[in-house]
Amino acid sequence: MAAFNIKLPTSALPSEWAESRKTMRNREGEFRLELQNLISIWKDLPMIEMDEDHLFQDPHCRVNLGELFHGRRQLLAYPFWF
C-alpha cells in the first residue's frame, strides 16, 4: 500500500496564528465583496429573445421550450460547453 504524502500546515505560536487568521478573514471579506459585484454584473446582463424554435425529444413526443416549461414566458439559461 502506497503512503500518502500529506503536507501538514506549519506550527505557529498563538499570536502568529491569530495574525494569520486575521489576514485570512480580511481576504475572505474582500472576496465576498468581489463575488457580490460579479453577481450584480451577471444580474444586469441584458436578456435576449430566442427567435428559434428549439425542439426537444422525450420518449413519447417532441416538445418546444414553451411546452417543456408549461407556457412560462421567461427562461433563464446559461451557455456552457463540454
C-alpha atoms as a PDB file:
ATOM      1  CA  MET A   1       0.000   0.000   0.000  1.00  0.00           C
ATOM      2  CA  ALA A   2       1.414   3.380  -1.020  1.00  0.00           C
ATOM      3  CA  ALA A   3       1.895   6.042   1.633  1.00  0.00           C
ATOM      4  CA  PHE A   4       0.116   9.339   1.177  1.00  0.00           C
ATOM      5  CA  ASN A   5       2.267  12.446   1.202  1.00  0.00           C
ATOM      6  CA  ILE A   6       0.044  14.907   3.004  1.00  0.00           C
ATOM      7  CA  LYS A   7       1.501  18.336   3.529  1.00  0.00           C
ATOM      8  CA  LEU A   8       0.702  19.456   7.045  1.00  0.00           C
ATOM      9  CA  PRO A   9       0.488  23.134   7.970  1.00  0.00           C
ATOM     10  CA  THR A  10       3.395  24.651   9.826  1.00  0.00           C
ATOM     11  CA  SER A  11       3.288  25.095  13.570  1.00  0.00           C
ATOM     12  CA  ALA A  12       2.907  28.572  14.980  1.00  0.00           C
ATOM     13  CA  LEU A  13       2.565  30.455  18.204  1.00  0.00           C
ATOM     14  CA  PRO A  14      -0.964  31.510  19.147  1.00  0.00           C
ATOM     15  CA  SER A  15      -0.150  35.143  18.323  1.00  0.00           C
ATOM     16  CA  GLU A  16       1.117  34.152  14.854  1.00  0.00           C
ATOM     17  CA  TRP A  17      -1.991  32.027  14.284  1.00  0.00           C
ATOM     18  CA  ALA A  18      -4.243  34.936  15.320  1.00  0.00           C
ATOM     19  CA  GLU A  19      -2.458  37.275  12.888  1.00  0.00           C
ATOM     20  CA  SER A  20      -2.716  34.729  10.050  1.00  0.00           C
ATOM     21  CA  ARG A  21      -6.401  34.219  10.825  1.00  0.00           C
ATOM     22  CA  LYS A  22      -6.996  37.985  10.798  1.00  0.00           C
ATOM     23  CA  THR A  23      -5.294  38.240   7.394  1.00  0.00           C
ATOM     24  CA  MET A  24      -7.368  35.350   6.051  1.00  0.00           C
ATOM     25  CA  ARG A  25     -10.636  36.852   7.316  1.00  0.00           C
ATOM     26  CA  ASN A  26      -9.769  40.154   5.627  1.00  0.00           C
ATOM     27  CA  ARG A  27      -9.111  38.340   2.354  1.00  0.00           C
ATOM     28  CA  GLU A  28     -12.397  36.436   2.708  1.00  0.00           C
ATOM     29  CA  GLY A  29     -14.227  39.737   3.179  1.00  0.00           C
ATOM     30  CA  GLU A  30     -12.612  41.184   0.057  1.00  0.00           C
ATOM     31  CA  PHE A  31     -13.507  38.019  -1.860  1.00  0.00           C
ATOM     32  CA  ARG A  32     -17.140  38.217  -0.712  1.00  0.00           C
ATOM     33  CA  LEU A  33     -17.379  41.815  -1.903  1.00  0.00           C
ATOM     34  CA  GLU A  34     -15.891  40.915  -5.283  1.00  0.00           C
ATOM     35  CA  LEU A  35     -18.257  37.950  -5.593  1.00  0.00           C
ATOM     36  CA  GLN A  36     -21.235  40.206  -4.821  1.00  0.00           C
ATOM     37  CA  ASN A  37     -20.010  42.626  -7.505  1.00  0.00           C
ATOM     38  CA  LEU A  38     -19.762  39.801 -10.049  1.00  0.00           C
ATOM     39  CA  ILE A  39     -23.231  38.529  -9.142  1.00  0.00           C
ATOM     40  CA  SER A  40     -24.576  42.043  -9.625  1.00  0.00           C
ATOM     41  CA  ILE A  41     -22.955  42.239 -13.070  1.00  0.00           C
ATOM     42  CA  TRP A  42     -24.460  38.840 -14.032  1.00  0.00           C
ATOM     43  CA  LYS A  43     -27.897  40.002 -12.926  1.00  0.00           C
ATOM     44  CA  ASP A  44     -27.571  43.180 -15.003  1.00  0.00           C
ATOM     45  CA  LEU A  45     -26.794  41.351 -18.255  1.00  0.00           C
ATOM     46  CA  PRO A  46     -29.446  42.088 -20.876  1.00  0.00           C
ATOM     47  CA  MET A  47     -31.951  39.475 -21.940  1.00  0.00           C
ATOM     48  CA  ILE A  48     -32.198  38.207 -25.499  1.00  0.00           C
ATOM     49  CA  GLU A  49     -35.229  36.972 -27.318  1.00  0.00           C
ATOM     50  CA  MET A  50     -34.957  33.454 -28.632  1.00  0.00           C
ATOM     51  CA  ASP A  51     -36.417  33.505 -32.110  1.00  0.00           C
ATOM     52  CA  GLU A  52     -35.544  29.894 -32.934  1.00  0.00           C
ATOM     53  CA  ASP A  53     -37.916  27.087 -32.068  1.00  0.00           C
ATOM     54  CA  HIS A  54     -35.784  24.698 -30.033  1.00  0.00           C
ATOM     55  CA  LEU A  55     -37.279  21.223 -30.096  1.00  0.00           C
ATOM     56  CA  PHE A  56     -36.617  18.506 -27.542  1.00  0.00           C
ATOM     57  CA  GLN A  57     -37.353  14.833 -27.881  1.00  0.00           C
ATOM     58  CA  ASP A  58     -38.719  12.871 -24.931  1.00  0.00           C
ATOM     59  CA  PRO A  59     -39.619   9.172 -25.075  1.00  0.00           C
ATOM     60  CA  HIS A  60     -43.136   9.980 -26.324  1.00  0.00           C
ATOM     61  CA  CYS A  61     -43.048  13.144 -28.443  1.00  0.00           C
ATOM     62  CA  ARG A  62     -41.192  16.292 -29.486  1.00  0.00           C
ATOM     63  CA  VAL A  63     -41.817  19.468 -27.481  1.00  0.00           C
ATOM     64  CA  ASN A  64     -40.625  23.065 -27.765  1.00  0.00           C
ATOM     65  CA  LEU A  65     -39.393  25.249 -24.902  1.00  0.00           C
ATOM     66  CA  GLY A  66     -42.841  26.701 -24.198  1.00  0.00           C
ATOM     67  CA  GLU A  67     -44.344  23.262 -23.859  1.00  0.00           C
ATOM     68  CA  LEU A  68     -41.373  21.967 -21.895  1.00  0.00           C
ATOM     69  CA  PHE A  69     -41.738  24.739 -19.314  1.00  0.00           C
ATOM     70  CA  HIS A  70     -45.533  24.713 -19.251  1.00  0.00           C
ATOM     71  CA  GLY A  71     -46.080  28.025 -21.051  1.00  0.00           C
ATOM     72  CA  ARG A  72     -43.847  30.163 -18.840  1.00  0.00           C
ATOM     73  CA  ARG A  73     -42.778  33.270 -20.702  1.00  0.00           C
ATOM     74  CA  GLN A  74     -39.275  33.635 -19.268  1.00  0.00           C
ATOM     75  CA  LEU A  75     -36.460  31.145 -19.017  1.00  0.00           C
ATOM     76  CA  LEU A  76     -33.030  31.806 -17.580  1.00  0.00           C
ATOM     77  CA  ALA A  77     -30.367  29.832 -19.421  1.00  0.00           C
ATOM     78  CA  TYR A  78     -26.594  29.861 -19.119  1.00  0.00           C
ATOM     79  CA  PRO A  79     -24.496  28.623 -22.034  1.00  0.00           C
ATOM     80  CA  PHE A  80     -21.712  26.165 -21.296  1.00  0.00           C
ATOM     81  CA  TRP A  81     -19.506  23.872 -23.332  1.00  0.00           C
ATOM     82  CA  PHE A  82     -18.058  20.459 -22.593  1.00  0.00           C
END
